[in-house]
């Protein structure tokens, strides 16, 4: 799942070397913390959060196959 999230994020941003994805895993939940460059944050979030919402939807659907609750957080540097 992390590699799919990383592929999506890397295709959106210009500064690919500043992308960091950290995962915290519990028994039934996984939290992905995504850090991108400040200049790329708008591209990742999108207008009114539409891109971020779409990313979360895709990752949550992948987690549903494994019976895990997934959350994606976008953190500013």
C-alpha atoms as a PDB file:
ATOM      1  CA  UNK A   1       0.000   0.000   0.000  1.00  0.00           C
ATOM      2  CA  UNK A   2       2.824   2.384   0.839  1.00  0.00           C
ATOM      3  CA  UNK A   3       4.377   1.872  -2.597  1.00  0.00           C
ATOM      4  CA  UNK A   4       1.088   2.685  -4.335  1.00  0.00           C
ATOM      5  CA  UNK A   5       0.701   5.848  -2.242  1.00  0.00           C
ATOM      6  CA  UNK A   6       4.286   6.801  -3.030  1.00  0.00           C
ATOM      7  CA  UNK A   7       3.708   6.296  -6.765  1.00  0.00           C
ATOM      8  CA  UNK A   8       0.630   8.537  -6.704  1.00  0.00           C
ATOM      9  CA  UNK A   9       2.391  11.299  -4.739  1.00  0.00           C
ATOM     10  CA  UNK A  10       5.582  11.190  -6.835  1.00  0.00           C
ATOM     11  CA  UNK A  11       3.562  11.657 -10.026  1.00  0.00           C
ATOM     12  CA  UNK A  12       1.937  14.797  -8.611  1.00  0.00           C
ATOM     13  CA  UNK A  13       4.948  16.697  -7.280  1.00  0.00           C
ATOM     14  CA  UNK A  14       7.934  18.393  -8.913  1.00  0.00           C
ATOM     15  CA  UNK A  15      10.396  18.007  -6.006  1.00  0.00           C
ATOM     16  CA  UNK A  16      10.452  14.228  -5.829  1.00  0.00           C
ATOM     17  CA  UNK A  17      13.463  14.143  -3.503  1.00  0.00           C
ATOM     18  CA  UNK A  18      11.514  15.974  -0.776  1.00  0.00           C
ATOM     19  CA  UNK A  19       8.732  13.372  -0.536  1.00  0.00           C
ATOM     20  CA  UNK A  20       8.706  11.390   2.711  1.00  0.00           C
ATOM     21  CA  UNK A  21       6.051   8.867   3.661  1.00  0.00           C
ATOM     22  CA  UNK A  22       6.022   7.512   7.199  1.00  0.00           C
ATOM     23  CA  UNK A  23       3.667   4.756   8.286  1.00  0.00           C
ATOM     24  CA  UNK A  24       2.428   3.966  11.775  1.00  0.00           C
ATOM     25  CA  UNK A  25       0.756   0.616  12.094  1.00  0.00           C
ATOM     26  CA  UNK A  26      -1.470  -0.651  14.892  1.00  0.00           C
ATOM     27  CA  UNK A  27      -3.499  -3.825  15.103  1.00  0.00           C
ATOM     28  CA  UNK A  28      -6.282  -2.702  12.760  1.00  0.00           C
ATOM     29  CA  UNK A  29      -5.215   0.773  11.656  1.00  0.00           C
ATOM     30  CA  UNK A  30      -2.465   2.171   9.476  1.00  0.00           C
ATOM     31  CA  UNK A  31      -1.670   5.886   9.373  1.00  0.00           C
ATOM     32  CA  UNK A  32       0.413   7.282   6.543  1.00  0.00           C
ATOM     33  CA  UNK A  33       2.060  10.662   7.127  1.00  0.00           C
ATOM     34  CA  UNK A  34       2.967  12.321   3.834  1.00  0.00           C
ATOM     35  CA  UNK A  35       5.470  15.184   3.774  1.00  0.00           C
ATOM     36  CA  UNK A  36       6.126  17.103   0.564  1.00  0.00           C
ATOM     37  CA  UNK A  37       7.856  20.371  -0.283  1.00  0.00           C
ATOM     38  CA  UNK A  38       5.916  23.519   0.571  1.00  0.00           C
ATOM     39  CA  UNK A  39       5.687  24.440  -3.112  1.00  0.00           C
ATOM     40  CA  UNK A  40       4.093  21.068  -3.935  1.00  0.00           C
ATOM     41  CA  UNK A  41       1.540  21.026  -1.111  1.00  0.00           C
ATOM     42  CA  UNK A  42      -1.097  22.739  -3.263  1.00  0.00           C
ATOM     43  CA  UNK A  43      -0.758  20.121  -5.976  1.00  0.00           C
ATOM     44  CA  UNK A  44      -1.171  17.276  -3.505  1.00  0.00           C
ATOM     45  CA  UNK A  45      -4.173  18.813  -1.738  1.00  0.00           C
ATOM     46  CA  UNK A  46      -5.855  20.240  -4.852  1.00  0.00           C
ATOM     47  CA  UNK A  47      -8.696  22.712  -5.123  1.00  0.00           C
ATOM     48  CA  UNK A  48     -10.942  22.400  -2.087  1.00  0.00           C
ATOM     49  CA  UNK A  49      -9.075  19.226  -1.125  1.00  0.00           C
ATOM     50  CA  UNK A  50     -10.336  17.168  -4.038  1.00  0.00           C
ATOM     51  CA  UNK A  51      -7.006  15.530  -4.902  1.00  0.00           C
ATOM     52  CA  UNK A  52      -6.318  14.682  -1.247  1.00  0.00           C
ATOM     53  CA  UNK A  53      -9.800  13.223  -0.908  1.00  0.00           C
ATOM     54  CA  UNK A  54      -9.290  11.090  -4.024  1.00  0.00           C
ATOM     55  CA  UNK A  55      -5.946   9.813  -2.705  1.00  0.00           C
ATOM     56  CA  UNK A  56      -7.550   8.912   0.621  1.00  0.00           C
ATOM     57  CA  UNK A  57     -10.400   7.105  -1.157  1.00  0.00           C
ATOM     58  CA  UNK A  58      -8.025   4.971  -3.224  1.00  0.00           C
ATOM     59  CA  UNK A  59      -5.851   4.039  -0.234  1.00  0.00           C
ATOM     60  CA  UNK A  60      -8.871   3.307   1.991  1.00  0.00           C
ATOM     61  CA  UNK A  61     -10.308   0.980  -0.636  1.00  0.00           C
ATOM     62  CA  UNK A  62      -7.012  -0.917  -0.742  1.00  0.00           C
ATOM     63  CA  UNK A  63      -7.102  -1.188   3.042  1.00  0.00           C
ATOM     64  CA  UNK A  64     -10.648  -2.538   2.980  1.00  0.00           C
ATOM     65  CA  UNK A  65      -9.399  -5.561   1.048  1.00  0.00           C
ATOM     66  CA  UNK A  66      -7.065  -6.319   3.970  1.00  0.00           C
ATOM     67  CA  UNK A  67      -9.667  -5.441   6.631  1.00  0.00           C
ATOM     68  CA  UNK A  68      -7.621  -2.512   7.923  1.00  0.00           C
ATOM     69  CA  UNK A  69      -8.584   1.095   8.576  1.00  0.00           C
ATOM     70  CA  UNK A  70      -6.305   3.463   6.696  1.00  0.00           C
ATOM     71  CA  UNK A  71      -5.785   7.200   7.169  1.00  0.00           C
ATOM     72  CA  UNK A  72      -3.587   9.536   5.163  1.00  0.00           C
ATOM     73  CA  UNK A  73      -2.322  12.775   6.729  1.00  0.00           C
ATOM     74  CA  UNK A  74      -0.575  15.518   4.798  1.00  0.00           C
ATOM     75  CA  UNK A  75       2.020  17.311   6.919  1.00  0.00           C
ATOM     76  CA  UNK A  76       3.673  20.607   6.049  1.00  0.00           C
ATOM     77  CA  UNK A  77       7.430  21.026   6.428  1.00  0.00           C
END
